[in-house]
Amino acid sequence: MALNLEIITPDEVIFSGEVAMVVAPGAEGEFGVLPNHAPLIAELQQGELRIYDKVEAAKPAQIFKTEGGFVQVMGTKCTILSDKIAAE
């Protein structure tokens, strides 16, 4: 089962697709999101947003730098909203 991830800024959709896992810079530390994670709305701080195409992967498939924002998780859907985010 995959996690449907969307990364959105006010200007565009930066990423939309299926991933295995996302590691995000939460306001109180990093946290990981897998499919069927408990429902969550959390604040993001400045840092790295890492996307993995396989849970056991040693390296992330993609890395984004974010200036903060919010994440919402519902079942197999994860939406990240940020004013400023860019691929590394």
N, C-alpha and C. Protein backbone atom coordinates (compact mmCIF):
# COMPACT_ATOMS: atom_id res chain seq x y z
N MET A 1 0.85 -1.18 0.00
CA MET A 1 0.00 0.00 0.00
C MET A 1 0.89 1.24 0.00
N ALA A 2 0.49 2.24 -0.75
CA ALA A 2 1.29 3.46 -0.88
C ALA A 2 0.60 4.63 -0.19
N LEU A 3 1.40 5.65 0.05
CA LEU A 3 0.92 6.90 0.62
C LEU A 3 0.78 7.91 -0.52
N ASN A 4 -0.39 8.50 -0.66
CA ASN A 4 -0.61 9.52 -1.69
C ASN A 4 -0.19 10.87 -1.13
N LEU A 5 0.89 11.42 -1.68
CA LEU A 5 1.48 12.66 -1.16
C LEU A 5 1.25 13.81 -2.13
N GLU A 6 0.85 14.95 -1.57
CA GLU A 6 0.78 16.20 -2.32
C GLU A 6 1.54 17.26 -1.54
N ILE A 7 2.43 17.98 -2.24
CA ILE A 7 3.15 19.11 -1.66
C ILE A 7 2.70 20.33 -2.44
N ILE A 8 2.10 21.29 -1.73
CA ILE A 8 1.44 22.41 -2.38
C ILE A 8 1.94 23.74 -1.82
N THR A 9 2.21 24.70 -2.71
CA THR A 9 2.49 26.08 -2.32
C THR A 9 1.34 26.94 -2.85
N PRO A 10 1.28 28.21 -2.48
CA PRO A 10 0.22 29.07 -3.02
C PRO A 10 0.25 29.18 -4.55
N ASP A 11 1.42 28.95 -5.16
CA ASP A 11 1.58 29.13 -6.59
C ASP A 11 1.43 27.87 -7.43
N GLU A 12 1.76 26.70 -6.84
CA GLU A 12 1.76 25.48 -7.65
C GLU A 12 1.77 24.22 -6.79
N VAL A 13 1.49 23.10 -7.46
CA VAL A 13 1.65 21.79 -6.84
C VAL A 13 3.08 21.35 -7.14
N ILE A 14 3.89 21.23 -6.08
CA ILE A 14 5.30 20.89 -6.24
C ILE A 14 5.49 19.40 -6.50
N PHE A 15 4.67 18.57 -5.84
CA PHE A 15 4.78 17.12 -5.98
C PHE A 15 3.41 16.51 -5.77
N SER A 16 3.09 15.50 -6.57
CA SER A 16 1.86 14.74 -6.40
C SER A 16 2.14 13.32 -6.88
N GLY A 17 2.03 12.36 -5.97
CA GLY A 17 2.29 10.98 -6.37
C GLY A 17 2.28 10.04 -5.19
N GLU A 18 2.52 8.76 -5.49
CA GLU A 18 2.55 7.73 -4.47
C GLU A 18 3.98 7.54 -3.97
N VAL A 19 4.12 7.45 -2.66
CA VAL A 19 5.42 7.25 -2.02
C VAL A 19 5.26 6.19 -0.94
N ALA A 20 6.37 5.68 -0.43
CA ALA A 20 6.32 4.70 0.65
C ALA A 20 6.30 5.37 2.02
N MET A 21 7.07 6.48 2.15
CA MET A 21 7.19 7.14 3.45
C MET A 21 7.66 8.58 3.25
N VAL A 22 7.25 9.44 4.18
CA VAL A 22 7.69 10.83 4.21
C VAL A 22 8.24 11.10 5.61
N VAL A 23 9.38 11.77 5.69
CA VAL A 23 9.93 12.22 6.97
C VAL A 23 9.92 13.74 6.92
N ALA A 24 9.24 14.34 7.91
CA ALA A 24 9.02 15.79 7.90
C ALA A 24 9.60 16.45 9.14
N PRO A 25 10.02 17.72 9.02
CA PRO A 25 10.56 18.46 10.17
C PRO A 25 9.43 19.10 10.98
N GLY A 26 8.93 18.39 11.95
CA GLY A 26 7.85 18.91 12.79
C GLY A 26 8.34 19.98 13.74
N ALA A 27 7.43 20.73 14.29
CA ALA A 27 7.77 21.80 15.23
C ALA A 27 8.46 21.26 16.48
N GLU A 28 8.18 19.99 16.82
CA GLU A 28 8.79 19.38 18.01
C GLU A 28 9.77 18.27 17.65
N GLY A 29 10.23 18.24 16.41
CA GLY A 29 11.18 17.23 15.96
C GLY A 29 10.68 16.52 14.72
N GLU A 30 11.57 15.74 14.09
CA GLU A 30 11.20 15.02 12.88
C GLU A 30 10.19 13.92 13.19
N PHE A 31 9.34 13.64 12.20
CA PHE A 31 8.42 12.51 12.34
C PHE A 31 8.22 11.88 10.96
N GLY A 32 7.93 10.59 10.97
CA GLY A 32 7.70 9.85 9.74
C GLY A 32 6.23 9.55 9.55
N VAL A 33 5.82 9.49 8.29
CA VAL A 33 4.44 9.17 7.95
C VAL A 33 4.45 8.00 6.97
N LEU A 34 3.72 6.94 7.35
CA LEU A 34 3.53 5.77 6.51
C LEU A 34 2.05 5.68 6.14
N PRO A 35 1.69 4.84 5.16
CA PRO A 35 0.27 4.66 4.86
C PRO A 35 -0.50 4.22 6.10
N ASN A 36 -1.73 4.70 6.23
CA ASN A 36 -2.62 4.40 7.36
C ASN A 36 -2.11 4.93 8.69
N HIS A 37 -1.33 6.00 8.64
CA HIS A 37 -0.89 6.70 9.86
C HIS A 37 -2.14 7.24 10.56
N ALA A 38 -2.06 7.42 11.85
CA ALA A 38 -3.17 8.03 12.59
C ALA A 38 -3.44 9.42 12.03
N PRO A 39 -4.69 9.85 11.99
CA PRO A 39 -5.00 11.21 11.50
C PRO A 39 -4.18 12.25 12.26
N LEU A 40 -3.68 13.23 11.52
CA LEU A 40 -2.74 14.19 12.11
C LEU A 40 -2.81 15.51 11.36
N ILE A 41 -2.76 16.60 12.10
CA ILE A 41 -2.49 17.93 11.55
C ILE A 41 -1.36 18.48 12.40
N ALA A 42 -0.25 18.87 11.75
CA ALA A 42 0.92 19.32 12.50
C ALA A 42 1.59 20.49 11.79
N GLU A 43 2.26 21.30 12.59
CA GLU A 43 3.04 22.42 12.07
C GLU A 43 4.42 21.92 11.68
N LEU A 44 4.94 22.43 10.56
CA LEU A 44 6.29 22.11 10.12
C LEU A 44 7.20 23.29 10.39
N GLN A 45 8.45 22.98 10.70
CA GLN A 45 9.44 24.03 10.86
C GLN A 45 10.38 24.00 9.66
N GLN A 46 11.31 24.91 9.63
CA GLN A 46 12.32 24.95 8.57
C GLN A 46 13.15 23.68 8.64
N GLY A 47 13.41 23.08 7.49
CA GLY A 47 14.24 21.88 7.47
C GLY A 47 14.04 21.07 6.21
N GLU A 48 14.45 19.80 6.28
CA GLU A 48 14.38 18.89 5.15
C GLU A 48 13.12 18.04 5.21
N LEU A 49 12.48 17.92 4.08
CA LEU A 49 11.35 17.02 3.89
C LEU A 49 11.88 15.90 3.01
N ARG A 50 11.93 14.67 3.53
CA ARG A 50 12.51 13.56 2.79
C ARG A 50 11.42 12.59 2.34
N ILE A 51 11.47 12.22 1.07
CA ILE A 51 10.50 11.31 0.48
C ILE A 51 11.21 10.01 0.12
N TYR A 52 10.64 8.89 0.55
CA TYR A 52 11.22 7.58 0.28
C TYR A 52 10.28 6.78 -0.62
N ASP A 53 10.85 6.14 -1.65
CA ASP A 53 10.02 5.29 -2.50
C ASP A 53 9.93 3.87 -1.95
N LYS A 54 10.83 3.52 -1.03
CA LYS A 54 10.79 2.24 -0.33
C LYS A 54 11.07 2.52 1.14
N VAL A 55 10.31 1.89 2.02
CA VAL A 55 10.46 2.14 3.46
C VAL A 55 11.86 1.78 3.93
N GLU A 56 12.43 0.70 3.41
CA GLU A 56 13.74 0.25 3.88
C GLU A 56 14.90 0.92 3.15
N ALA A 57 14.63 1.87 2.29
CA ALA A 57 15.68 2.56 1.53
C ALA A 57 16.61 3.32 2.47
N ALA A 58 17.91 3.23 2.18
CA ALA A 58 18.90 3.93 3.00
C ALA A 58 18.92 5.43 2.68
N LYS A 59 18.62 5.76 1.43
CA LYS A 59 18.64 7.16 1.00
C LYS A 59 17.26 7.56 0.50
N PRO A 60 16.87 8.81 0.76
CA PRO A 60 15.58 9.27 0.23
C PRO A 60 15.62 9.41 -1.29
N ALA A 61 14.47 9.19 -1.93
CA ALA A 61 14.35 9.36 -3.38
C ALA A 61 14.39 10.84 -3.75
N GLN A 62 13.82 11.69 -2.88
CA GLN A 62 13.81 13.13 -3.11
C GLN A 62 13.91 13.86 -1.78
N ILE A 63 14.54 15.03 -1.83
CA ILE A 63 14.65 15.89 -0.65
C ILE A 63 14.18 17.29 -1.04
N PHE A 64 13.36 17.86 -0.18
CA PHE A 64 12.89 19.23 -0.37
C PHE A 64 13.30 20.04 0.85
N LYS A 65 13.63 21.30 0.63
CA LYS A 65 13.89 22.24 1.72
C LYS A 65 12.63 23.06 1.93
N THR A 66 12.17 23.13 3.17
CA THR A 66 10.97 23.89 3.47
C THR A 66 11.26 24.97 4.50
N GLU A 67 10.54 26.05 4.41
CA GLU A 67 10.65 27.14 5.38
C GLU A 67 9.58 27.02 6.46
N GLY A 68 8.86 25.91 6.46
CA GLY A 68 7.79 25.70 7.42
C GLY A 68 6.48 25.48 6.69
N GLY A 69 5.42 25.26 7.45
CA GLY A 69 4.11 25.03 6.85
C GLY A 69 3.29 24.11 7.73
N PHE A 70 2.42 23.34 7.07
CA PHE A 70 1.54 22.42 7.79
C PHE A 70 1.42 21.12 7.03
N VAL A 71 1.15 20.04 7.76
CA VAL A 71 0.92 18.73 7.16
C VAL A 71 -0.40 18.18 7.69
N GLN A 72 -1.16 17.55 6.80
CA GLN A 72 -2.39 16.86 7.19
C GLN A 72 -2.28 15.43 6.70
N VAL A 73 -2.56 14.48 7.59
CA VAL A 73 -2.54 13.07 7.25
C VAL A 73 -3.90 12.47 7.55
N MET A 74 -4.46 11.78 6.56
CA MET A 74 -5.75 11.09 6.70
C MET A 74 -5.65 9.77 5.94
N GLY A 75 -5.50 8.67 6.66
CA GLY A 75 -5.44 7.35 6.01
C GLY A 75 -4.23 7.21 5.12
N THR A 76 -4.47 7.10 3.82
CA THR A 76 -3.37 6.96 2.86
C THR A 76 -3.09 8.26 2.12
N LYS A 77 -3.58 9.39 2.63
CA LYS A 77 -3.35 10.69 1.99
C LYS A 77 -2.59 11.62 2.92
N CYS A 78 -1.54 12.23 2.40
CA CYS A 78 -0.73 13.19 3.15
C CYS A 78 -0.61 14.45 2.30
N THR A 79 -1.03 15.58 2.86
CA THR A 79 -0.96 16.86 2.17
C THR A 79 -0.05 17.80 2.95
N ILE A 80 0.91 18.38 2.25
CA ILE A 80 1.83 19.33 2.87
C ILE A 80 1.62 20.69 2.22
N LEU A 81 1.35 21.69 3.06
CA LEU A 81 1.14 23.07 2.60
C LEU A 81 2.30 23.92 3.10
N SER A 82 2.93 24.66 2.21
CA SER A 82 4.06 25.50 2.59
C SER A 82 4.11 26.73 1.69
N ASP A 83 4.46 27.87 2.29
CA ASP A 83 4.63 29.09 1.49
C ASP A 83 5.86 28.99 0.60
N LYS A 84 6.91 28.31 1.11
CA LYS A 84 8.17 28.24 0.37
C LYS A 84 8.77 26.85 0.55
N ILE A 85 8.91 26.14 -0.56
CA ILE A 85 9.52 24.81 -0.54
C ILE A 85 10.19 24.59 -1.89
N ALA A 86 11.36 23.96 -1.88
CA ALA A 86 12.09 23.75 -3.12
C ALA A 86 12.82 22.42 -3.08
N ALA A 87 12.92 21.78 -4.24
CA ALA A 87 13.66 20.53 -4.35
C ALA A 87 15.14 20.82 -4.16
N GLU A 88 15.80 19.90 -3.50
CA GLU A 88 17.24 20.06 -3.26
C GLU A 88 18.02 19.48 -4.41
